[in-house]
Amino acid sequence: MSKLHLVFGGRVADPQGVDFTDPHNLDVVGIFPDYKTAEAAWRAAAQRTVDDATMKYVVVHLHKLLQPDN
């Protein structure tokens, strides 16, 4: 199985958490075939909003959601 990774971000209530305040307006960067590519996309997206403490981007390991035992 591919180890797909989703990168997305948006405004959060607390910069140390992942409680997105407006889930309808999340910025979906994309789905990537490996962590290295996803991390590069995450870094680029996060860098664009580095001066906004309420914006946060994350990498989600989709393969762990699809097969949680692996």
C-alpha atoms as a PDB file:
ATOM      1  CA  MET A   1       0.000   0.000   0.000  1.00  0.00           C
ATOM      2  CA  SER A   2       1.191   3.528  -0.746  1.00  0.00           C
ATOM      3  CA  LYS A   3       2.069   5.661   2.225  1.00  0.00           C
ATOM      4  CA  LEU A   4      -0.050   8.659   1.260  1.00  0.00           C
ATOM      5  CA  HIS A   5       0.207  11.927   3.177  1.00  0.00           C
ATOM      6  CA  LEU A   6      -2.223  14.856   3.227  1.00  0.00           C
ATOM      7  CA  VAL A   7      -0.994  18.409   3.837  1.00  0.00           C
ATOM      8  CA  PHE A   8      -3.485  21.062   4.862  1.00  0.00           C
ATOM      9  CA  GLY A   9      -3.771  24.083   7.102  1.00  0.00           C
ATOM     10  CA  GLY A  10      -5.906  26.879   8.395  1.00  0.00           C
ATOM     11  CA  ARG A  11      -6.569  29.151  11.321  1.00  0.00           C
ATOM     12  CA  VAL A  12      -6.345  27.575  14.762  1.00  0.00           C
ATOM     13  CA  ALA A  13      -7.720  28.699  18.122  1.00  0.00           C
ATOM     14  CA  ASP A  14      -4.397  27.934  19.846  1.00  0.00           C
ATOM     15  CA  PRO A  15      -1.109  27.739  17.890  1.00  0.00           C
ATOM     16  CA  GLN A  16      -0.054  24.761  20.016  1.00  0.00           C
ATOM     17  CA  GLY A  17      -3.177  22.768  19.119  1.00  0.00           C
ATOM     18  CA  VAL A  18      -5.035  21.623  16.040  1.00  0.00           C
ATOM     19  CA  ASP A  19      -8.494  23.035  16.742  1.00  0.00           C
ATOM     20  CA  PHE A  20      -9.194  24.657  13.372  1.00  0.00           C
ATOM     21  CA  THR A  21     -11.572  27.585  13.810  1.00  0.00           C
ATOM     22  CA  ASP A  22     -13.062  27.488  10.286  1.00  0.00           C
ATOM     23  CA  PRO A  23     -12.949  23.952   8.849  1.00  0.00           C
ATOM     24  CA  HIS A  24     -14.907  25.051   5.779  1.00  0.00           C
ATOM     25  CA  ASN A  25     -12.005  27.241   4.690  1.00  0.00           C
ATOM     26  CA  LEU A  26      -9.049  24.913   5.164  1.00  0.00           C
ATOM     27  CA  ASP A  27      -6.223  25.252   2.663  1.00  0.00           C
ATOM     28  CA  VAL A  28      -5.703  21.770   1.212  1.00  0.00           C
ATOM     29  CA  VAL A  29      -2.165  21.782  -0.173  1.00  0.00           C
ATOM     30  CA  GLY A  30      -2.393  18.241  -1.554  1.00  0.00           C
ATOM     31  CA  ILE A  31      -1.903  14.514  -1.178  1.00  0.00           C
ATOM     32  CA  PHE A  32       1.639  13.244  -1.566  1.00  0.00           C
ATOM     33  CA  PRO A  33       3.122   9.773  -2.192  1.00  0.00           C
ATOM     34  CA  ASP A  34       5.716   9.890   0.585  1.00  0.00           C
ATOM     35  CA  TYR A  35       6.629  11.799   3.711  1.00  0.00           C
ATOM     36  CA  LYS A  36       9.626  13.563   2.169  1.00  0.00           C
ATOM     37  CA  THR A  37       7.492  15.182  -0.531  1.00  0.00           C
ATOM     38  CA  ALA A  38       4.727  16.010   1.957  1.00  0.00           C
ATOM     39  CA  GLU A  39       7.221  17.591   4.330  1.00  0.00           C
ATOM     40  CA  ALA A  40       8.584  19.814   1.552  1.00  0.00           C
ATOM     41  CA  ALA A  41       5.036  20.963   0.700  1.00  0.00           C
ATOM     42  CA  TRP A  42       4.269  21.516   4.392  1.00  0.00           C
ATOM     43  CA  ARG A  43       7.430  23.621   4.847  1.00  0.00           C
ATOM     44  CA  ALA A  44       6.601  25.757   1.806  1.00  0.00           C
ATOM     45  CA  ALA A  45       3.016  26.365   2.963  1.00  0.00           C
ATOM     46  CA  ALA A  46       4.050  27.094   6.554  1.00  0.00           C
ATOM     47  CA  GLN A  47       6.774  29.479   5.384  1.00  0.00           C
ATOM     48  CA  ARG A  48       4.238  31.538   3.414  1.00  0.00           C
ATOM     49  CA  THR A  49       2.297  32.185   6.648  1.00  0.00           C
ATOM     50  CA  VAL A  50       5.195  32.322   9.113  1.00  0.00           C
ATOM     51  CA  ASP A  51       4.212  35.795  10.353  1.00  0.00           C
ATOM     52  CA  ASP A  52       0.636  34.739  11.209  1.00  0.00           C
ATOM     53  CA  ALA A  53       0.619  32.834  14.517  1.00  0.00           C
ATOM     54  CA  THR A  54      -2.978  31.688  14.012  1.00  0.00           C
ATOM     55  CA  MET A  55      -2.202  29.811  10.767  1.00  0.00           C
ATOM     56  CA  LYS A  56      -1.030  26.226  11.066  1.00  0.00           C
ATOM     57  CA  TYR A  57      -0.240  23.527   8.499  1.00  0.00           C
ATOM     58  CA  VAL A  58      -0.074  19.815   9.277  1.00  0.00           C
ATOM     59  CA  VAL A  59       0.888  16.531   7.638  1.00  0.00           C
ATOM     60  CA  VAL A  60      -1.619  13.701   8.084  1.00  0.00           C
ATOM     61  CA  HIS A  61      -0.489  10.121   7.491  1.00  0.00           C
ATOM     62  CA  LEU A  62      -3.426   8.833   5.435  1.00  0.00           C
ATOM     63  CA  HIS A  63      -2.056   5.296   5.337  1.00  0.00           C
ATOM     64  CA  LYS A  64      -2.350   5.150   9.153  1.00  0.00           C
ATOM     65  CA  LEU A  65      -6.032   6.101   8.908  1.00  0.00           C
ATOM     66  CA  LEU A  66      -6.713   3.565   6.169  1.00  0.00           C
ATOM     67  CA  GLN A  67      -4.897   0.712   7.952  1.00  0.00           C
ATOM     68  CA  PRO A  68      -4.445   1.714  11.608  1.00  0.00           C
ATOM     69  CA  ASP A  69      -2.766  -1.574  12.572  1.00  0.00           C
ATOM     70  CA  ASN A  70       0.203  -0.946  10.225  1.00  0.00           C
END
